[in-house]
Amino acid sequence: MAEELHNNSVCYITKYRGFLGNESETNAFNTMKVEKSSKGLEVLVRTQEDDLEGFSFLEIMDRVDPLPLDFENYKNFKEGIYYMCTHDGTKIGFVLKFAINEMETVCSEIFEETFQLDESRHELRFKSEDFDHRNNLIDQLARKMYLESSLSGVKGWRNEKYAVWVNKKPYVLVERAVAGVLGIITYGIHINGYVLDPKSKKIQFWVPRRSKTKQTWPLMLDNIIAGGLGYPYGIYETVLKESMEEANLEKSVIEDNIKATGSVSYLYFTGDISVTKFNKESDFIVGEVQYVYDLKLSEDIIPKPNDGEVESFNLFSLQETINALRKKEFKPNCALVMVDFLIRHGYITPENEPNYLELVTRMHRRLPFPTLN
């Protein structure tokens, strides 16, 4: 993909040139160093330590989605996972058997009115053919789980609905806090904000630190703007809404500087498919689609915390960004979105990333259920 930044600031990248001299910035890792090319452009250089350690940005992908393509064939998956289906049989989610047991225990009447459980087919099928009726039932179920379930994830009530899409239309609206329980595909927008110095040709990224009070991933690093796609907001509507809420950036600033650059898709899973028993919340499998944007800002535009979700914004050099990725300081999917940027703009290349093709392919997994678009 041809990108403005690629054309203006990045050209050829050497695979290995050993340790850097005075041109390099401080790098405690002595790995993946930033160096200047013969044209004065910033490039990433793979070092001897990288080769000795076997470092690959694929590690970031593995923290988000380690599932092999044939994960549904594993015996433990077949035993512990049920498919949530529409009333006419379309698969729309992964539901763990232990989560079904929890719903049956906590809200048996609502559960039985909402779903038909087919043990032989390992399916959990919606009964109602009516959109509003389904929404009413699933909302009752979610609220009952929030009040009485022992599952910790449902306690993070957001009062925000995710749409489950079938045939490009919303089939049911699900409270965000129970997305993991039902294993649905969720959607969000992620924006990488950066400043490019026209003279030095150095890039800096606006990197926020998440608030210590965030329900998920407190105090970790994030993309300049990110947020879930809550129904009924559209994708670009969410971009504008989150830009003001999280970074205090006006609509005019976004419209003048934003660029849609694609998406990343994956199945978020933190376990080991070869050994997990699918009997705890950390074994949930949730499909995620992140619509990705680049936001090139001038030096005089400063993002500021606005809604309490961000502690602070700081400018990170390319080397500082690479170091933070290596030290796992970024929220996992935000790290992946940053890697996507570094690939698209020519910083991560087939010359300095030994698993380049696998990395690029896995960042765009074909999801097993119907999607928004």
Protein backbone atom coordinates (compact mmCIF):
# COMPACT_ATOMS: atom_id res chain seq x y z
CA MET A 1 0.00 0.00 0.00
CA ALA A 2 1.44 3.33 -1.06
CA GLU A 3 1.46 5.79 1.82
CA GLU A 4 2.39 9.44 2.03
CA LEU A 5 4.81 8.87 4.87
CA HIS A 6 6.44 5.96 3.09
CA ASN A 7 7.06 8.09 0.06
CA ASN A 8 8.41 11.03 2.03
CA SER A 9 10.47 9.54 4.79
CA VAL A 10 11.39 5.88 4.41
CA CYS A 11 13.28 4.11 1.69
CA TYR A 12 15.71 1.20 1.89
CA ILE A 13 16.38 -0.62 5.17
CA THR A 14 19.52 -2.61 5.82
CA LYS A 15 18.99 -5.99 7.49
CA TYR A 16 22.01 -5.98 9.78
CA ARG A 17 24.79 -3.51 10.40
CA GLY A 18 25.73 -4.37 13.99
CA PHE A 19 25.90 -1.75 16.75
CA LEU A 20 25.16 1.86 15.96
CA GLY A 21 27.36 4.83 16.49
CA ASN A 22 26.50 8.38 17.51
CA GLU A 23 23.51 8.56 15.22
CA SER A 24 21.45 6.16 17.34
CA GLU A 25 19.16 7.16 20.16
CA THR A 26 19.39 5.57 23.58
CA ASN A 27 18.23 1.97 23.33
CA ALA A 28 18.43 -0.15 26.46
CA PHE A 29 17.66 -3.28 24.48
CA ASN A 30 20.49 -2.89 21.93
CA THR A 31 17.97 -4.29 19.47
CA MET A 32 15.96 -2.97 16.50
CA LYS A 33 17.86 0.28 16.47
CA VAL A 34 16.79 3.42 14.68
CA GLU A 35 19.44 4.70 12.31
CA LYS A 36 19.60 7.24 9.52
CA SER A 37 19.88 6.08 5.94
CA SER A 38 22.22 7.69 3.42
CA LYS A 39 19.35 10.04 2.54
CA GLY A 40 18.88 11.06 6.16
CA LEU A 41 15.71 9.04 6.63
CA GLU A 42 14.90 7.07 9.77
CA VAL A 43 15.14 3.31 9.31
CA LEU A 44 14.97 0.29 11.61
CA VAL A 45 18.09 -1.84 11.70
CA ARG A 46 18.07 -5.41 12.92
CA THR A 47 21.01 -6.10 15.25
CA GLN A 48 23.00 -9.13 16.23
CA GLU A 49 21.04 -9.38 19.46
CA ASP A 50 17.80 -9.60 17.48
CA ASP A 51 19.13 -12.61 15.61
CA LEU A 52 20.54 -14.25 18.73
CA GLU A 53 17.25 -13.79 20.62
CA GLY A 54 15.13 -14.66 17.61
CA PHE A 55 13.16 -11.45 18.05
CA SER A 56 10.16 -10.95 15.80
CA PHE A 57 7.23 -8.54 15.84
CA LEU A 58 5.17 -11.71 15.48
CA GLU A 59 5.38 -11.85 19.28
CA ILE A 60 2.96 -8.92 19.36
CA MET A 61 0.55 -10.79 17.10
CA ASP A 62 0.80 -13.84 19.37
CA ARG A 63 -0.26 -11.76 22.40
CA VAL A 64 -3.46 -10.88 20.57
CA ASP A 65 -4.28 -13.97 18.52
CA PRO A 66 -2.20 -17.15 18.92
CA LEU A 67 -4.89 -19.42 17.46
CA PRO A 68 -3.86 -21.66 14.55
CA LEU A 69 -6.08 -21.82 11.48
CA ASP A 70 -7.37 -25.26 12.47
CA PHE A 71 -8.22 -24.36 16.09
CA GLU A 72 -11.80 -25.61 15.69
CA ASN A 73 -10.48 -29.14 15.12
CA TYR A 74 -8.85 -29.41 18.55
CA LYS A 75 -10.56 -31.90 20.84
CA ASN A 76 -10.67 -29.51 23.81
CA PHE A 77 -12.27 -26.83 21.61
CA LYS A 78 -14.95 -29.24 20.42
CA GLU A 79 -15.67 -30.27 24.00
CA GLY A 80 -15.64 -26.86 25.66
CA ILE A 81 -17.08 -24.50 23.04
CA TYR A 82 -20.62 -24.08 21.73
CA TYR A 83 -21.63 -21.94 18.75
CA MET A 84 -24.15 -19.19 19.38
CA CYS A 85 -26.49 -19.16 16.39
CA THR A 86 -29.32 -17.11 14.98
CA HIS A 87 -32.83 -18.55 15.04
CA ASP A 88 -32.24 -19.88 11.52
CA GLY A 89 -28.83 -21.41 12.23
CA THR A 90 -26.18 -18.83 11.27
CA LYS A 91 -23.18 -19.04 13.60
CA ILE A 92 -22.46 -15.71 15.34
CA GLY A 93 -20.42 -16.43 18.46
CA PHE A 94 -18.27 -18.75 20.58
CA VAL A 95 -19.79 -19.57 23.99
CA LEU A 96 -17.85 -21.62 26.52
CA LYS A 97 -19.70 -24.47 28.20
CA PHE A 98 -18.86 -23.11 31.64
CA ALA A 99 -20.40 -19.75 30.62
CA ILE A 100 -23.58 -21.54 29.54
CA ASN A 101 -23.67 -23.27 32.92
CA GLU A 102 -23.29 -19.90 34.63
CA MET A 103 -26.16 -18.37 32.65
CA GLU A 104 -28.37 -21.38 33.38
CA THR A 105 -27.58 -21.05 37.10
CA VAL A 106 -27.95 -17.27 37.42
CA CYS A 107 -30.87 -16.60 35.08
CA SER A 108 -32.41 -19.91 34.07
CA GLU A 109 -35.86 -18.60 33.12
CA ILE A 110 -34.55 -15.80 30.92
CA PHE A 111 -31.93 -18.11 29.45
CA GLU A 112 -34.52 -20.71 28.47
CA GLU A 113 -36.80 -18.07 26.98
CA THR A 114 -33.89 -16.63 24.96
CA PHE A 115 -32.02 -19.72 23.76
CA GLN A 116 -32.52 -23.28 22.62
CA LEU A 117 -29.55 -25.38 23.78
CA ASP A 118 -28.64 -28.24 21.44
CA GLU A 119 -26.13 -30.48 23.20
CA SER A 120 -25.67 -32.83 20.26
CA ARG A 121 -24.73 -30.02 17.85
CA HIS A 122 -23.04 -27.86 20.48
CA GLU A 123 -25.25 -24.93 19.52
CA LEU A 124 -26.91 -22.17 21.51
CA ARG A 125 -29.64 -20.88 19.22
CA PHE A 126 -31.79 -17.76 19.60
CA LYS A 127 -35.47 -18.67 19.68
CA SER A 128 -37.06 -15.40 18.66
CA GLU A 129 -37.40 -14.23 15.07
CA ASP A 130 -38.10 -10.67 16.22
CA PHE A 131 -35.26 -8.14 16.56
CA ASP A 132 -36.81 -6.12 19.40
CA HIS A 133 -37.83 -9.22 21.32
CA ARG A 134 -34.30 -10.65 21.10
CA ASN A 135 -32.85 -7.35 22.29
CA ASN A 136 -35.22 -7.21 25.25
CA LEU A 137 -34.40 -10.76 26.32
CA ILE A 138 -30.63 -10.48 25.93
CA ASP A 139 -30.70 -7.19 27.85
CA GLN A 140 -32.57 -8.86 30.73
CA LEU A 141 -30.08 -11.71 30.70
CA ALA A 142 -27.12 -9.32 30.71
CA ARG A 143 -28.51 -7.28 33.61
CA LYS A 144 -29.19 -10.40 35.65
CA MET A 145 -25.64 -11.60 35.00
CA TYR A 146 -24.28 -8.20 36.01
CA LEU A 147 -26.14 -8.30 39.32
CA GLU A 148 -25.70 -11.93 40.30
CA SER A 149 -22.99 -13.69 38.27
CA SER A 150 -19.60 -14.60 39.71
CA LEU A 151 -17.93 -13.73 36.39
CA SER A 152 -15.77 -10.63 36.81
CA GLY A 153 -16.02 -9.41 33.22
CA VAL A 154 -19.75 -8.74 33.36
CA LYS A 155 -19.23 -6.42 36.34
CA GLY A 156 -17.65 -3.84 34.02
CA TRP A 157 -21.03 -2.62 32.81
CA ARG A 158 -20.63 -0.03 30.04
CA ASN A 159 -24.24 0.82 29.23
CA GLU A 160 -23.14 0.57 25.59
CA LYS A 161 -24.38 -1.91 23.01
CA TYR A 162 -22.44 -3.84 20.41
CA ALA A 163 -24.35 -4.94 17.31
CA VAL A 164 -24.04 -8.51 16.06
CA TRP A 165 -24.23 -8.24 12.28
CA VAL A 166 -25.85 -10.76 9.93
CA ASN A 167 -26.39 -10.03 6.23
CA LYS A 168 -25.06 -6.51 6.87
CA LYS A 169 -27.87 -5.81 9.33
CA PRO A 170 -27.87 -5.80 13.16
CA TYR A 171 -29.31 -9.10 14.37
CA VAL A 172 -29.11 -8.44 18.11
CA LEU A 173 -27.69 -5.71 20.37
CA VAL A 174 -25.47 -6.92 23.19
CA GLU A 175 -24.26 -5.03 26.26
CA ARG A 176 -20.53 -4.56 25.85
CA ALA A 177 -19.75 -6.19 29.20
CA VAL A 178 -21.09 -9.56 28.05
CA ALA A 179 -19.37 -9.61 24.66
CA GLY A 180 -16.82 -12.09 26.02
CA VAL A 181 -19.48 -14.36 27.51
CA LEU A 182 -21.20 -14.64 24.13
CA GLY A 183 -18.00 -14.65 22.06
CA ILE A 184 -19.27 -12.23 19.43
CA ILE A 185 -17.34 -10.15 16.90
CA THR A 186 -16.73 -6.64 18.19
CA TYR A 187 -15.66 -3.52 16.31
CA GLY A 188 -13.62 -0.44 17.08
CA ILE A 189 -11.65 2.43 15.60
CA HIS A 190 -7.94 2.96 16.29
CA ILE A 191 -5.98 6.03 15.23
CA ASN A 192 -2.22 6.49 15.19
CA GLY A 193 -1.33 10.15 15.65
CA TYR A 194 2.09 11.36 14.58
CA VAL A 195 4.20 14.41 13.86
CA LEU A 196 6.76 14.38 11.03
CA ASP A 197 9.52 16.98 11.16
CA PRO A 198 10.03 18.23 7.56
CA LYS A 199 13.66 19.15 8.19
CA SER A 200 15.04 16.30 10.28
CA LYS A 201 12.56 13.82 8.78
CA LYS A 202 12.12 12.30 12.21
CA ILE A 203 8.76 10.92 13.23
CA GLN A 204 7.19 11.21 16.67
CA PHE A 205 4.03 9.48 17.86
CA TRP A 206 1.42 10.92 20.18
CA VAL A 207 1.07 8.11 22.73
CA PRO A 208 -1.47 8.32 25.55
CA ARG A 209 -1.21 6.48 28.84
CA ARG A 210 -4.52 4.98 29.87
CA SER A 211 -6.11 6.19 33.08
CA LYS A 212 -5.41 4.22 36.24
CA THR A 213 -9.19 4.03 36.72
CA LYS A 214 -9.87 2.32 33.37
CA GLN A 215 -11.79 -0.93 33.75
CA THR A 216 -9.40 -2.65 31.36
CA TRP A 217 -5.63 -2.30 30.87
CA PRO A 218 -5.12 0.66 33.28
CA LEU A 219 -1.92 2.72 32.85
CA MET A 220 -0.87 0.94 29.68
CA LEU A 221 0.07 2.80 26.50
CA ASP A 222 -2.54 3.25 23.80
CA ASN A 223 -3.08 4.73 20.35
CA ILE A 224 -3.83 8.47 20.29
CA ILE A 225 -7.55 7.73 19.85
CA ALA A 226 -9.39 4.43 20.12
CA GLY A 227 -12.87 3.30 20.98
CA GLY A 228 -15.47 0.61 20.49
CA LEU A 229 -18.13 0.93 17.84
CA GLY A 230 -21.22 1.33 20.01
CA TYR A 231 -24.59 1.03 18.31
CA PRO A 232 -26.01 3.05 16.54
CA TYR A 233 -22.86 5.07 15.79
CA GLY A 234 -21.19 4.59 12.43
CA ILE A 235 -17.46 4.13 11.93
CA TYR A 236 -16.60 7.72 11.04
CA GLU A 237 -19.08 9.03 13.60
CA THR A 238 -17.14 7.06 16.21
CA VAL A 239 -13.88 8.57 14.96
CA LEU A 240 -15.20 12.08 15.50
CA LYS A 241 -16.88 11.25 18.82
CA GLU A 242 -13.83 9.53 20.32
CA SER A 243 -11.47 12.23 19.03
CA MET A 244 -13.25 14.85 21.09
CA GLU A 245 -13.93 12.64 24.10
CA GLU A 246 -10.44 11.20 24.46
CA ALA A 247 -8.06 13.77 22.94
CA ASN A 248 -10.06 17.01 22.87
CA LEU A 249 -9.50 17.30 19.12
CA GLU A 250 -12.13 19.26 17.21
CA LYS A 251 -13.98 17.89 14.20
CA SER A 252 -12.17 20.32 11.88
CA VAL A 253 -8.75 19.04 13.03
CA ILE A 254 -9.77 15.46 12.36
CA GLU A 255 -11.35 16.14 8.99
CA ASP A 256 -8.29 18.07 7.80
CA ASN A 257 -5.74 15.45 8.86
CA ILE A 258 -7.33 12.00 9.10
CA LYS A 259 -6.72 9.21 6.62
CA ALA A 260 -8.44 5.81 6.59
CA THR A 261 -5.78 3.14 6.11
CA GLY A 262 -7.55 -0.22 6.41
CA SER A 263 -8.29 -2.60 9.25
CA VAL A 264 -6.87 -5.38 11.36
CA SER A 265 -8.89 -8.44 12.34
CA TYR A 266 -8.18 -11.27 14.74
CA LEU A 267 -9.64 -13.64 17.31
CA TYR A 268 -8.62 -12.32 20.70
CA PHE A 269 -7.56 -15.23 22.89
CA THR A 270 -4.97 -15.31 25.67
CA GLY A 271 -4.68 -19.05 26.30
CA ASP A 272 -2.83 -21.97 24.74
CA ILE A 273 -5.15 -23.92 22.46
CA SER A 274 -3.13 -27.09 22.96
CA VAL A 275 -3.73 -27.27 26.70
CA THR A 276 -6.57 -24.96 27.75
CA LYS A 277 -9.71 -26.56 29.14
CA PHE A 278 -11.97 -23.61 28.28
CA ASN A 279 -13.23 -23.40 31.84
CA LYS A 280 -12.38 -19.81 32.81
CA GLU A 281 -12.93 -16.25 31.61
CA SER A 282 -9.41 -15.88 30.23
CA ASP A 283 -10.34 -18.64 27.75
CA PHE A 284 -13.03 -16.55 26.05
CA ILE A 285 -12.59 -16.12 22.29
CA VAL A 286 -13.78 -12.79 20.89
CA GLY A 287 -13.50 -11.73 17.27
CA GLU A 288 -12.29 -8.16 16.83
CA VAL A 289 -12.19 -5.80 13.86
CA GLN A 290 -10.33 -2.52 14.27
CA TYR A 291 -10.77 0.14 11.60
CA VAL A 292 -7.41 1.89 11.38
CA TYR A 293 -6.63 5.53 10.67
CA ASP A 294 -3.54 7.73 10.46
CA LEU A 295 -3.67 11.24 11.88
CA LYS A 296 -0.78 13.45 10.76
CA LEU A 297 -0.63 16.51 13.01
CA SER A 298 1.38 19.69 12.96
CA GLU A 299 3.54 20.59 15.94
CA ASP A 300 1.07 23.19 17.18
CA ILE A 301 -1.80 20.71 17.62
CA ILE A 302 -1.62 19.17 21.08
CA PRO A 303 -4.04 16.44 22.19
CA LYS A 304 -5.31 16.81 25.74
CA PRO A 305 -7.16 14.42 28.08
CA ASN A 306 -10.84 15.20 28.17
CA ASP A 307 -13.02 12.40 29.54
CA GLY A 308 -10.84 10.90 32.27
CA GLU A 309 -9.86 7.85 30.23
CA VAL A 310 -6.33 9.14 29.56
CA GLU A 311 -3.70 10.10 32.15
CA SER A 312 -1.50 12.02 29.71
CA PHE A 313 -0.29 12.35 26.13
CA ASN A 314 3.40 12.22 25.31
CA LEU A 315 5.46 12.41 22.15
CA PHE A 316 7.49 9.25 21.59
CA SER A 317 10.37 9.03 19.17
CA LEU A 318 10.53 6.06 16.84
CA GLN A 319 13.12 4.41 19.09
CA GLU A 320 11.05 5.02 22.22
CA THR A 321 8.04 3.52 20.48
CA ILE A 322 9.97 0.40 19.44
CA ASN A 323 11.32 0.02 22.99
CA ALA A 324 7.83 0.33 24.47
CA LEU A 325 6.56 -2.32 22.08
CA ARG A 326 9.40 -4.63 23.11
CA LYS A 327 8.72 -4.05 26.81
CA LYS A 328 5.00 -4.83 26.36
CA GLU A 329 3.98 -1.39 27.62
CA PHE A 330 1.22 -1.03 25.02
CA LYS A 331 -2.24 -2.54 25.41
CA PRO A 332 -1.93 -5.64 23.18
CA ASN A 333 -4.27 -4.67 20.35
CA CYS A 334 -2.92 -1.10 20.38
CA ALA A 335 0.55 -2.55 19.93
CA LEU A 336 -0.76 -4.45 16.93
CA VAL A 337 -2.21 -1.28 15.42
CA MET A 338 1.16 0.43 15.92
CA VAL A 339 2.88 -2.49 14.16
CA ASP A 340 0.39 -2.08 11.32
CA PHE A 341 1.50 1.55 10.99
CA LEU A 342 5.17 0.60 11.01
CA ILE A 343 4.56 -1.95 8.25
CA ARG A 344 2.50 0.34 6.05
CA HIS A 345 5.03 3.17 6.31
CA GLY A 346 7.99 0.98 5.54
CA TYR A 347 9.71 0.82 8.93
CA ILE A 348 9.07 -2.91 9.38
CA THR A 349 10.09 -4.66 6.18
CA PRO A 350 10.86 -8.15 4.83
CA GLU A 351 14.53 -7.30 5.40
CA ASN A 352 14.32 -6.64 9.14
CA GLU A 353 11.37 -8.86 10.11
CA PRO A 354 12.02 -12.60 9.64
CA ASN A 355 8.31 -13.50 9.78
CA TYR A 356 7.06 -10.62 7.65
CA LEU A 357 4.59 -12.52 5.46
CA GLU A 358 3.12 -14.50 8.36
CA LEU A 359 2.79 -11.31 10.40
CA VAL A 360 0.98 -9.39 7.66
CA THR A 361 -1.30 -12.34 6.90
CA ARG A 362 -2.26 -13.03 10.50
CA MET A 363 -3.10 -9.37 11.15
CA HIS A 364 -5.96 -9.78 8.71
CA ARG A 365 -7.59 -13.02 9.81
CA ARG A 366 -10.74 -14.09 7.99
CA LEU A 367 -13.27 -14.25 10.82
CA PRO A 368 -15.61 -17.24 11.12
CA PHE A 369 -18.85 -15.27 11.53
CA PRO A 370 -20.72 -12.64 9.48
CA THR A 371 -19.26 -9.13 9.76
CA LEU A 372 -20.38 -5.53 9.48
CA ASN A 373 -18.84 -5.05 6.04
